[in-house]
């Protein structure tokens, strides 16, 4: 009876698995704060993506860990950068798997911020060229979709213009349109080795108190050419996922971020929660709120649970 009248349905195809790729061979470097997840070399990444595809998961999103960092984030848009090589490897081995790439600079800058530093702060406009070049390099490598996560104003328009000008009019943009300055990113920063070396990211990530501003940011990204709008994190902002679903005609994404994943796992390891039930309840809440696409570190476990 419950199955017959269920209002919100969750399928593996709704899920996107974030993956962290590094250089080397045979590397599966455990991420201490995210049990069950690792930094993966290209060969291990391909094996992981074969498993993901077999489970029916909708897509993967790739984050790169470069061999070197500098003030210009040069490895972010290098032709043979780590993400560019990863895209080619995955699309060669598993061509049917949808591959999304994160477009940002924090993993690639020596200072850990998402853009060019001018007078001690991130220069929004100077950073747009880096982002556009990174997205273009990912599309050239074969990425099916690019996902800017930096929160620079005007980045979607700059990326759309660059992609269109170089023949990639059909490459969609999944915009981290409402990305908040959240405490829940902590484990990710260990995984991506992207902790800021000074200050924080509150000058360009959103104030958690501002829901109306979030809708405005999403509207601007849609006007600039975004194809999918995303709210990040997911569970502390379910109200905004619902508002976005009711307001905008495009697919709405939600990122169940590393801290959300890790606190559920930690509670389960201490015997305070049933892991499978907490996992499924949290993902169902995001679907019920209106999330069409869920980026989650639970993707493989949830896909297996869903059969």
C-alpha atoms as a PDB file:
ATOM      1  CA  UNK A   1       0.000   0.000   0.000  1.00  0.00           C
ATOM      2  CA  UNK A   2       2.851   2.397   0.846  1.00  0.00           C
ATOM      3  CA  UNK A   3       4.532   1.727  -2.502  1.00  0.00           C
ATOM      4  CA  UNK A   4       1.244   2.218  -4.333  1.00  0.00           C
ATOM      5  CA  UNK A   5       0.529   5.684  -2.919  1.00  0.00           C
ATOM      6  CA  UNK A   6       4.094   6.969  -2.492  1.00  0.00           C
ATOM      7  CA  UNK A   7       4.373  10.628  -3.517  1.00  0.00           C
ATOM      8  CA  UNK A   8       8.166  11.103  -3.775  1.00  0.00           C
ATOM      9  CA  UNK A   9      10.198   8.473  -5.579  1.00  0.00           C
ATOM     10  CA  UNK A  10      13.957   8.099  -5.507  1.00  0.00           C
ATOM     11  CA  UNK A  11      15.826   6.259  -8.253  1.00  0.00           C
ATOM     12  CA  UNK A  12      19.575   5.684  -8.851  1.00  0.00           C
ATOM     13  CA  UNK A  13      19.248   7.785 -12.010  1.00  0.00           C
ATOM     14  CA  UNK A  14      18.499  10.839  -9.834  1.00  0.00           C
ATOM     15  CA  UNK A  15      21.902  10.592  -8.129  1.00  0.00           C
ATOM     16  CA  UNK A  16      25.337  12.010  -8.986  1.00  0.00           C
ATOM     17  CA  UNK A  17      28.487  10.668  -7.285  1.00  0.00           C
ATOM     18  CA  UNK A  18      31.310  13.159  -6.587  1.00  0.00           C
ATOM     19  CA  UNK A  19      34.776  11.701  -7.221  1.00  0.00           C
ATOM     20  CA  UNK A  20      38.262  13.033  -6.459  1.00  0.00           C
ATOM     21  CA  UNK A  21      40.991  12.277  -9.001  1.00  0.00           C
ATOM     22  CA  UNK A  22      44.758  12.533  -8.568  1.00  0.00           C
ATOM     23  CA  UNK A  23      47.905  11.512 -10.438  1.00  0.00           C
ATOM     24  CA  UNK A  24      49.652   8.180 -10.113  1.00  0.00           C
ATOM     25  CA  UNK A  25      48.694   4.572 -10.647  1.00  0.00           C
ATOM     26  CA  UNK A  26      46.884   2.201  -8.317  1.00  0.00           C
ATOM     27  CA  UNK A  27      46.154   5.029  -5.878  1.00  0.00           C
ATOM     28  CA  UNK A  28      43.185   4.774  -3.526  1.00  0.00           C
ATOM     29  CA  UNK A  29      44.106   7.300  -0.827  1.00  0.00           C
ATOM     30  CA  UNK A  30      41.568   7.180   1.994  1.00  0.00           C
ATOM     31  CA  UNK A  31      39.834  10.425   2.961  1.00  0.00           C
ATOM     32  CA  UNK A  32      39.871  10.230   6.741  1.00  0.00           C
ATOM     33  CA  UNK A  33      36.827  12.422   7.350  1.00  0.00           C
ATOM     34  CA  UNK A  34      34.719  10.704   4.660  1.00  0.00           C
ATOM     35  CA  UNK A  35      34.715   6.961   5.401  1.00  0.00           C
ATOM     36  CA  UNK A  36      34.481   4.837   2.276  1.00  0.00           C
ATOM     37  CA  UNK A  37      35.725   7.569  -0.066  1.00  0.00           C
ATOM     38  CA  UNK A  38      39.193   7.986  -1.552  1.00  0.00           C
ATOM     39  CA  UNK A  39      41.327  10.124  -3.785  1.00  0.00           C
ATOM     40  CA  UNK A  40      41.659   8.003  -6.941  1.00  0.00           C
ATOM     41  CA  UNK A  41      44.295   7.749  -9.655  1.00  0.00           C
ATOM     42  CA  UNK A  42      43.045   7.572 -13.245  1.00  0.00           C
ATOM     43  CA  UNK A  43      43.022   3.772 -13.417  1.00  0.00           C
ATOM     44  CA  UNK A  44      41.117   3.490 -10.138  1.00  0.00           C
ATOM     45  CA  UNK A  45      38.760   6.258 -11.222  1.00  0.00           C
ATOM     46  CA  UNK A  46      37.853   4.295 -14.350  1.00  0.00           C
ATOM     47  CA  UNK A  47      37.118   1.194 -12.257  1.00  0.00           C
ATOM     48  CA  UNK A  48      34.927   3.275  -9.940  1.00  0.00           C
ATOM     49  CA  UNK A  49      33.042   4.730 -12.891  1.00  0.00           C
ATOM     50  CA  UNK A  50      32.421   1.259 -14.319  1.00  0.00           C
ATOM     51  CA  UNK A  51      30.801   0.327 -10.996  1.00  0.00           C
ATOM     52  CA  UNK A  52      28.778   3.550 -10.965  1.00  0.00           C
ATOM     53  CA  UNK A  53      27.453   2.882 -14.462  1.00  0.00           C
ATOM     54  CA  UNK A  54      26.557  -0.722 -13.582  1.00  0.00           C
ATOM     55  CA  UNK A  55      24.527   0.536 -10.604  1.00  0.00           C
ATOM     56  CA  UNK A  56      22.462   2.827 -12.829  1.00  0.00           C
ATOM     57  CA  UNK A  57      23.642   6.029 -11.126  1.00  0.00           C
ATOM     58  CA  UNK A  58      22.846   9.105 -13.200  1.00  0.00           C
ATOM     59  CA  UNK A  59      26.294  10.690 -13.419  1.00  0.00           C
ATOM     60  CA  UNK A  60      29.602  11.422 -11.755  1.00  0.00           C
ATOM     61  CA  UNK A  61      31.100  14.843 -11.046  1.00  0.00           C
ATOM     62  CA  UNK A  62      34.888  15.097 -11.067  1.00  0.00           C
ATOM     63  CA  UNK A  63      37.102  17.176  -8.760  1.00  0.00           C
ATOM     64  CA  UNK A  64      40.807  17.385  -9.517  1.00  0.00           C
ATOM     65  CA  UNK A  65      43.809  17.288  -7.199  1.00  0.00           C
ATOM     66  CA  UNK A  66      46.742  18.702  -9.195  1.00  0.00           C
ATOM     67  CA  UNK A  67      50.401  17.849  -8.744  1.00  0.00           C
ATOM     68  CA  UNK A  68      51.258  21.526  -8.377  1.00  0.00           C
ATOM     69  CA  UNK A  69      49.432  24.711  -7.438  1.00  0.00           C
ATOM     70  CA  UNK A  70      50.171  28.347  -8.218  1.00  0.00           C
ATOM     71  CA  UNK A  71      48.654  31.808  -7.892  1.00  0.00           C
ATOM     72  CA  UNK A  72      47.156  31.580 -11.400  1.00  0.00           C
ATOM     73  CA  UNK A  73      45.344  28.226 -10.961  1.00  0.00           C
ATOM     74  CA  UNK A  74      47.094  27.224 -14.201  1.00  0.00           C
ATOM     75  CA  UNK A  75      46.439  23.499 -13.794  1.00  0.00           C
ATOM     76  CA  UNK A  76      42.683  24.182 -13.756  1.00  0.00           C
ATOM     77  CA  UNK A  77      42.658  25.041 -17.452  1.00  0.00           C
ATOM     78  CA  UNK A  78      45.732  23.134 -18.688  1.00  0.00           C
ATOM     79  CA  UNK A  79      45.077  20.868 -21.673  1.00  0.00           C
ATOM     80  CA  UNK A  80      46.653  17.948 -19.832  1.00  0.00           C
ATOM     81  CA  UNK A  81      45.408  18.861 -16.366  1.00  0.00           C
ATOM     82  CA  UNK A  82      44.228  16.126 -14.052  1.00  0.00           C
ATOM     83  CA  UNK A  83      40.493  16.618 -14.694  1.00  0.00           C
ATOM     84  CA  UNK A  84      40.998  16.911 -18.438  1.00  0.00           C
ATOM     85  CA  UNK A  85      42.892  13.598 -18.463  1.00  0.00           C
ATOM     86  CA  UNK A  86      40.274  12.037 -16.212  1.00  0.00           C
ATOM     87  CA  UNK A  87      37.431  13.022 -18.518  1.00  0.00           C
ATOM     88  CA  UNK A  88      39.189  11.468 -21.517  1.00  0.00           C
ATOM     89  CA  UNK A  89      39.895   8.256 -19.604  1.00  0.00           C
ATOM     90  CA  UNK A  90      36.349   7.840 -18.308  1.00  0.00           C
ATOM     91  CA  UNK A  91      34.633   8.697 -21.589  1.00  0.00           C
ATOM     92  CA  UNK A  92      36.892   6.225 -23.396  1.00  0.00           C
ATOM     93  CA  UNK A  93      36.207   3.398 -20.932  1.00  0.00           C
ATOM     94  CA  UNK A  94      32.556   4.122 -20.060  1.00  0.00           C
ATOM     95  CA  UNK A  95      31.192   6.304 -22.888  1.00  0.00           C
ATOM     96  CA  UNK A  96      27.557   5.930 -21.765  1.00  0.00           C
ATOM     97  CA  UNK A  97      28.243   7.405 -18.306  1.00  0.00           C
ATOM     98  CA  UNK A  98      27.366  11.094 -17.966  1.00  0.00           C
ATOM     99  CA  UNK A  99      30.472  12.990 -16.823  1.00  0.00           C
ATOM    100  CA  UNK A 100      30.097  16.396 -15.147  1.00  0.00           C
ATOM    101  CA  UNK A 101      33.115  18.504 -14.208  1.00  0.00           C
ATOM    102  CA  UNK A 102      33.371  20.929 -11.337  1.00  0.00           C
ATOM    103  CA  UNK A 103      34.638  24.297 -12.581  1.00  0.00           C
ATOM    104  CA  UNK A 104      36.423  26.175  -9.817  1.00  0.00           C
ATOM    105  CA  UNK A 105      39.918  27.279  -8.816  1.00  0.00           C
ATOM    106  CA  UNK A 106      40.215  26.489  -5.115  1.00  0.00           C
ATOM    107  CA  UNK A 107      41.856  23.092  -5.685  1.00  0.00           C
ATOM    108  CA  UNK A 108      44.408  24.664  -8.034  1.00  0.00           C
ATOM    109  CA  UNK A 109      45.459  27.918  -6.349  1.00  0.00           C
ATOM    110  CA  UNK A 110      48.359  27.999  -3.909  1.00  0.00           C
ATOM    111  CA  UNK A 111      46.244  30.148  -1.563  1.00  0.00           C
ATOM    112  CA  UNK A 112      43.114  27.954  -1.704  1.00  0.00           C
ATOM    113  CA  UNK A 113      40.698  30.672  -2.779  1.00  0.00           C
ATOM    114  CA  UNK A 114      38.369  30.434  -5.784  1.00  0.00           C
ATOM    115  CA  UNK A 115      39.864  33.262  -7.830  1.00  0.00           C
ATOM    116  CA  UNK A 116      42.608  35.743  -8.525  1.00  0.00           C
ATOM    117  CA  UNK A 117      43.808  37.620  -5.448  1.00  0.00           C
ATOM    118  CA  UNK A 118      44.111  41.386  -5.847  1.00  0.00           C
ATOM    119  CA  UNK A 119      44.873  43.572  -2.818  1.00  0.00           C
ATOM    120  CA  UNK A 120      44.192  40.698  -0.440  1.00  0.00           C
ATOM    121  CA  UNK A 121      40.768  39.718  -1.800  1.00  0.00           C
ATOM    122  CA  UNK A 122      39.331  37.720  -4.685  1.00  0.00           C
ATOM    123  CA  UNK A 123      38.849  39.849  -7.813  1.00  0.00           C
ATOM    124  CA  UNK A 124      35.534  38.728  -9.282  1.00  0.00           C
ATOM    125  CA  UNK A 125      35.933  40.009 -12.845  1.00  0.00           C
ATOM    126  CA  UNK A 126      39.565  38.966 -13.250  1.00  0.00           C
ATOM    127  CA  UNK A 127      38.581  35.417 -12.293  1.00  0.00           C
ATOM    128  CA  UNK A 128      35.974  34.996 -15.042  1.00  0.00           C
ATOM    129  CA  UNK A 129      38.574  34.352 -17.752  1.00  0.00           C
ATOM    130  CA  UNK A 130      40.052  31.478 -15.733  1.00  0.00           C
ATOM    131  CA  UNK A 131      36.640  29.908 -15.275  1.00  0.00           C
ATOM    132  CA  UNK A 132      35.700  30.240 -18.933  1.00  0.00           C
ATOM    133  CA  UNK A 133      38.995  28.691 -20.016  1.00  0.00           C
ATOM    134  CA  UNK A 134      38.611  25.822 -17.539  1.00  0.00           C
ATOM    135  CA  UNK A 135      35.093  25.023 -18.724  1.00  0.00           C
ATOM    136  CA  UNK A 136      36.221  25.126 -22.347  1.00  0.00           C
ATOM    137  CA  UNK A 137      39.131  22.778 -21.643  1.00  0.00           C
ATOM    138  CA  UNK A 138      36.737  20.322 -19.964  1.00  0.00           C
ATOM    139  CA  UNK A 139      34.347  20.434 -22.923  1.00  0.00           C
ATOM    140  CA  UNK A 140      37.222  19.849 -25.330  1.00  0.00           C
ATOM    141  CA  UNK A 141      38.244  16.815 -23.264  1.00  0.00           C
ATOM    142  CA  UNK A 142      34.729  15.374 -23.644  1.00  0.00           C
ATOM    143  CA  UNK A 143      32.828  16.482 -20.535  1.00  0.00           C
ATOM    144  CA  UNK A 144      29.065  16.123 -20.956  1.00  0.00           C
ATOM    145  CA  UNK A 145      28.273  19.016 -18.606  1.00  0.00           C
ATOM    146  CA  UNK A 146      30.217  21.693 -16.731  1.00  0.00           C
ATOM    147  CA  UNK A 147      29.351  22.888 -13.234  1.00  0.00           C
ATOM    148  CA  UNK A 148      30.788  26.223 -12.042  1.00  0.00           C
ATOM    149  CA  UNK A 149      30.951  26.277  -8.244  1.00  0.00           C
ATOM    150  CA  UNK A 150      32.999  29.420  -7.540  1.00  0.00           C
ATOM    151  CA  UNK A 151      30.115  31.905  -6.998  1.00  0.00           C
ATOM    152  CA  UNK A 152      31.736  34.710  -9.014  1.00  0.00           C
ATOM    153  CA  UNK A 153      29.127  37.073 -10.424  1.00  0.00           C
ATOM    154  CA  UNK A 154      28.796  36.715 -14.197  1.00  0.00           C
ATOM    155  CA  UNK A 155      30.599  33.365 -14.477  1.00  0.00           C
ATOM    156  CA  UNK A 156      27.697  31.544 -16.147  1.00  0.00           C
ATOM    157  CA  UNK A 157      27.495  34.178 -18.878  1.00  0.00           C
ATOM    158  CA  UNK A 158      31.266  34.111 -19.414  1.00  0.00           C
ATOM    159  CA  UNK A 159      31.302  30.310 -19.628  1.00  0.00           C
ATOM    160  CA  UNK A 160      28.273  30.191 -21.944  1.00  0.00           C
ATOM    161  CA  UNK A 161      29.844  32.754 -24.276  1.00  0.00           C
ATOM    162  CA  UNK A 162      33.153  30.867 -24.396  1.00  0.00           C
ATOM    163  CA  UNK A 163      31.533  27.475 -24.995  1.00  0.00           C
ATOM    164  CA  UNK A 164      29.270  28.834 -27.734  1.00  0.00           C
ATOM    165  CA  UNK A 165      32.105  30.692 -29.460  1.00  0.00           C
ATOM    166  CA  UNK A 166      34.131  27.472 -29.716  1.00  0.00           C
ATOM    167  CA  UNK A 167      31.392  25.174 -31.002  1.00  0.00           C
ATOM    168  CA  UNK A 168      30.120  23.736 -27.710  1.00  0.00           C
ATOM    169  CA  UNK A 169      26.621  25.213 -27.850  1.00  0.00           C
ATOM    170  CA  UNK A 170      25.157  21.875 -26.737  1.00  0.00           C
ATOM    171  CA  UNK A 171      27.291  21.550 -23.585  1.00  0.00           C
ATOM    172  CA  UNK A 172      24.948  22.360 -20.675  1.00  0.00           C
ATOM    173  CA  UNK A 173      25.842  24.316 -17.554  1.00  0.00           C
ATOM    174  CA  UNK A 174      24.854  23.084 -14.107  1.00  0.00           C
ATOM    175  CA  UNK A 175      25.276  26.192 -11.983  1.00  0.00           C
ATOM    176  CA  UNK A 176      25.981  26.139  -8.261  1.00  0.00           C
ATOM    177  CA  UNK A 177      23.597  29.092  -8.247  1.00  0.00           C
ATOM    178  CA  UNK A 178      22.912  29.293  -4.496  1.00  0.00           C
ATOM    179  CA  UNK A 179      26.073  28.149  -2.726  1.00  0.00           C
ATOM    180  CA  UNK A 180      26.197  29.173   0.902  1.00  0.00           C
ATOM    181  CA  UNK A 181      29.164  29.912   3.169  1.00  0.00           C
ATOM    182  CA  UNK A 182      28.562  26.726   5.119  1.00  0.00           C
ATOM    183  CA  UNK A 183      30.300  24.879   7.939  1.00  0.00           C
ATOM    184  CA  UNK A 184      29.317  21.611   6.260  1.00  0.00           C
ATOM    185  CA  UNK A 185      32.127  21.780   3.657  1.00  0.00           C
ATOM    186  CA  UNK A 186      34.858  20.776   6.101  1.00  0.00           C
ATOM    187  CA  UNK A 187      35.454  17.158   5.002  1.00  0.00           C
ATOM    188  CA  UNK A 188      35.436  18.169   1.315  1.00  0.00           C
ATOM    189  CA  UNK A 189      38.311  20.549   1.922  1.00  0.00           C
ATOM    190  CA  UNK A 190      40.363  17.631   3.211  1.00  0.00           C
ATOM    191  CA  UNK A 191      39.341  15.509   0.207  1.00  0.00           C
ATOM    192  CA  UNK A 192      40.093  18.209  -2.382  1.00  0.00           C
ATOM    193  CA  UNK A 193      43.046  19.719  -0.471  1.00  0.00           C
ATOM    194  CA  UNK A 194      41.433  23.132  -0.905  1.00  0.00           C
ATOM    195  CA  UNK A 195      41.407  24.788   2.524  1.00  0.00           C
ATOM    196  CA  UNK A 196      41.990  28.576   2.215  1.00  0.00           C
ATOM    197  CA  UNK A 197      45.436  29.613   3.416  1.00  0.00           C
ATOM    198  CA  UNK A 198      44.042  32.884   4.772  1.00  0.00           C
ATOM    199  CA  UNK A 199      40.619  34.332   5.526  1.00  0.00           C
ATOM    200  CA  UNK A 200      37.502  32.550   4.359  1.00  0.00           C
ATOM    201  CA  UNK A 201      35.097  32.519   1.393  1.00  0.00           C
ATOM    202  CA  UNK A 202      32.297  34.617   2.836  1.00  0.00           C
ATOM    203  CA  UNK A 203      33.031  37.520   0.495  1.00  0.00           C
ATOM    204  CA  UNK A 204      31.730  35.457  -2.449  1.00  0.00           C
ATOM    205  CA  UNK A 205      29.687  32.611  -0.968  1.00  0.00           C
ATOM    206  CA  UNK A 206      26.182  33.395   0.291  1.00  0.00           C
ATOM    207  CA  UNK A 207      25.000  34.372   3.761  1.00  0.00           C
ATOM    208  CA  UNK A 208      22.972  31.418   5.157  1.00  0.00           C
ATOM    209  CA  UNK A 209      20.343  33.904   6.368  1.00  0.00           C
ATOM    210  CA  UNK A 210      19.423  35.176   2.900  1.00  0.00           C
ATOM    211  CA  UNK A 211      16.715  33.229   1.097  1.00  0.00           C
ATOM    212  CA  UNK A 212      15.470  36.044  -1.146  1.00  0.00           C
ATOM    213  CA  UNK A 213      19.004  36.730  -2.293  1.00  0.00           C
ATOM    214  CA  UNK A 214      19.359  33.048  -3.186  1.00  0.00           C
ATOM    215  CA  UNK A 215      16.346  33.282  -5.496  1.00  0.00           C
ATOM    216  CA  UNK A 216      17.827  36.409  -7.085  1.00  0.00           C
ATOM    217  CA  UNK A 217      21.173  34.671  -7.664  1.00  0.00           C
ATOM    218  CA  UNK A 218      19.396  31.737  -9.302  1.00  0.00           C
ATOM    219  CA  UNK A 219      17.353  34.049 -11.514  1.00  0.00           C
ATOM    220  CA  UNK A 220      20.504  35.833 -12.678  1.00  0.00           C
ATOM    221  CA  UNK A 221      22.245  32.546 -13.521  1.00  0.00           C
ATOM    222  CA  UNK A 222      19.198  31.397 -15.478  1.00  0.00           C
ATOM    223  CA  UNK A 223      19.228  34.644 -17.463  1.00  0.00           C
ATOM    224  CA  UNK A 224      22.947  34.138 -18.210  1.00  0.00           C
ATOM    225  CA  UNK A 225      22.330  30.692 -19.694  1.00  0.00           C
ATOM    226  CA  UNK A 226      22.352  28.111 -16.908  1.00  0.00           C
ATOM    227  CA  UNK A 227      20.517  24.905 -17.811  1.00  0.00           C
ATOM    228  CA  UNK A 228      20.277  23.468 -14.278  1.00  0.00           C
ATOM    229  CA  UNK A 229      20.255  25.441 -11.004  1.00  0.00           C
ATOM    230  CA  UNK A 230      21.656  23.977  -7.806  1.00  0.00           C
ATOM    231  CA  UNK A 231      21.376  24.684  -4.083  1.00  0.00           C
ATOM    232  CA  UNK A 232      24.343  23.769  -1.869  1.00  0.00           C
ATOM    233  CA  UNK A 233      24.220  22.405   0.842  1.00  0.00           C
ATOM    234  CA  UNK A 234      20.957  20.495   0.596  1.00  0.00           C
ATOM    235  CA  UNK A 235      19.409  19.593   3.948  1.00  0.00           C
ATOM    236  CA  UNK A 236      19.896  22.945   5.765  1.00  0.00           C
ATOM    237  CA  UNK A 237      18.311  24.647   2.727  1.00  0.00           C
ATOM    238  CA  UNK A 238      15.368  22.392   1.858  1.00  0.00           C
ATOM    239  CA  UNK A 239      13.091  25.422   1.970  1.00  0.00           C
ATOM    240  CA  UNK A 240      15.096  27.058  -0.815  1.00  0.00           C
ATOM    241  CA  UNK A 241      15.069  23.891  -2.920  1.00  0.00           C
ATOM    242  CA  UNK A 242      11.282  23.956  -2.700  1.00  0.00           C
ATOM    243  CA  UNK A 243      11.120  27.664  -3.559  1.00  0.00           C
ATOM    244  CA  UNK A 244      13.395  27.109  -6.552  1.00  0.00           C
ATOM    245  CA  UNK A 245      11.340  24.146  -7.759  1.00  0.00           C
ATOM    246  CA  UNK A 246       8.140  26.217  -7.580  1.00  0.00           C
ATOM    247  CA  UNK A 247       9.696  29.284  -9.210  1.00  0.00           C
ATOM    248  CA  UNK A 248      11.981  28.105 -12.028  1.00  0.00           C
ATOM    249  CA  UNK A 249      11.125  25.911 -15.053  1.00  0.00           C
ATOM    250  CA  UNK A 250      14.534  24.196 -15.271  1.00  0.00           C
ATOM    251  CA  UNK A 251      15.793  21.113 -13.374  1.00  0.00           C
ATOM    252  CA  UNK A 252      16.829  21.825  -9.788  1.00  0.00           C
ATOM    253  CA  UNK A 253      19.918  20.187  -8.334  1.00  0.00           C
ATOM    254  CA  UNK A 254      20.855  19.790  -4.676  1.00  0.00           C
ATOM    255  CA  UNK A 255      24.251  18.887  -3.234  1.00  0.00           C
ATOM    256  CA  UNK A 256      24.179  16.746  -0.094  1.00  0.00           C
ATOM    257  CA  UNK A 257      27.649  17.894   0.887  1.00  0.00           C
ATOM    258  CA  UNK A 258      30.507  16.176   2.669  1.00  0.00           C
ATOM    259  CA  UNK A 259      29.563  17.374   6.151  1.00  0.00           C
ATOM    260  CA  UNK A 260      26.014  16.088   5.768  1.00  0.00           C
ATOM    261  CA  UNK A 261      27.386  12.710   4.685  1.00  0.00           C
ATOM    262  CA  UNK A 262      30.054  12.530   7.381  1.00  0.00           C
ATOM    263  CA  UNK A 263      27.820  13.447  10.309  1.00  0.00           C
ATOM    264  CA  UNK A 264      25.310  10.735   9.362  1.00  0.00           C
ATOM    265  CA  UNK A 265      28.096   8.166   9.016  1.00  0.00           C
ATOM    266  CA  UNK A 266      29.706   9.236  12.290  1.00  0.00           C
ATOM    267  CA  UNK A 267      26.403   8.975  14.166  1.00  0.00           C
ATOM    268  CA  UNK A 268      25.841   5.514  12.694  1.00  0.00           C
ATOM    269  CA  UNK A 269      29.342   4.397  13.661  1.00  0.00           C
ATOM    270  CA  UNK A 270      28.555   5.418  17.234  1.00  0.00           C
ATOM    271  CA  UNK A 271      25.318   3.445  17.205  1.00  0.00           C
ATOM    272  CA  UNK A 272      23.145   6.558  17.401  1.00  0.00           C
ATOM    273  CA  UNK A 273      21.423   6.139  13.998  1.00  0.00           C
ATOM    274  CA  UNK A 274      20.598   3.348  11.603  1.00  0.00           C
ATOM    275  CA  UNK A 275      22.824   4.224   8.632  1.00  0.00           C
ATOM    276  CA  UNK A 276      20.638   2.892   5.828  1.00  0.00           C
ATOM    277  CA  UNK A 277      17.454   4.466   7.171  1.00  0.00           C
ATOM    278  CA  UNK A 278      19.147   7.815   7.815  1.00  0.00           C
ATOM    279  CA  UNK A 279      20.676   7.762   4.340  1.00  0.00           C
ATOM    280  CA  UNK A 280      17.377   7.046   2.605  1.00  0.00           C
ATOM    281  CA  UNK A 281      15.357   9.445   4.736  1.00  0.00           C
ATOM    282  CA  UNK A 282      17.788  12.288   4.060  1.00  0.00           C
ATOM    283  CA  UNK A 283      17.811  11.664   0.298  1.00  0.00           C
ATOM    284  CA  UNK A 284      14.021  11.312   0.200  1.00  0.00           C
ATOM    285  CA  UNK A 285      13.660  14.657   1.981  1.00  0.00           C
ATOM    286  CA  UNK A 286      15.679  16.322  -0.778  1.00  0.00           C
ATOM    287  CA  UNK A 287      13.510  14.709  -3.477  1.00  0.00           C
ATOM    288  CA  UNK A 288      10.346  15.690  -1.621  1.00  0.00           C
ATOM    289  CA  UNK A 289      11.546  19.282  -1.384  1.00  0.00           C
ATOM    290  CA  UNK A 290      11.894  19.354  -5.167  1.00  0.00           C
ATOM    291  CA  UNK A 291      15.429  18.238  -5.977  1.00  0.00           C
ATOM    292  CA  UNK A 292      15.472  16.655  -9.436  1.00  0.00           C
ATOM    293  CA  UNK A 293      19.185  15.825  -9.228  1.00  0.00           C
ATOM    294  CA  UNK A 294      21.023  14.964  -6.008  1.00  0.00           C
ATOM    295  CA  UNK A 295      24.795  15.093  -5.722  1.00  0.00           C
ATOM    296  CA  UNK A 296      25.601  12.765  -2.837  1.00  0.00           C
ATOM    297  CA  UNK A 297      28.437  10.673  -1.433  1.00  0.00           C
ATOM    298  CA  UNK A 298      25.791   8.059  -0.623  1.00  0.00           C
ATOM    299  CA  UNK A 299      25.099   7.464  -4.342  1.00  0.00           C
ATOM    300  CA  UNK A 300      26.521   3.930  -4.538  1.00  0.00           C
ATOM    301  CA  UNK A 301      25.051   2.757  -1.235  1.00  0.00           C
ATOM    302  CA  UNK A 302      21.667   4.276  -2.069  1.00  0.00           C
ATOM    303  CA  UNK A 303      21.656   2.740  -5.557  1.00  0.00           C
ATOM    304  CA  UNK A 304      22.314  -0.690  -4.053  1.00  0.00           C
ATOM    305  CA  UNK A 305      19.567  -0.175  -1.458  1.00  0.00           C
ATOM    306  CA  UNK A 306      17.133   0.849  -4.179  1.00  0.00           C
ATOM    307  CA  UNK A 307      17.931  -2.307  -6.121  1.00  0.00           C
END
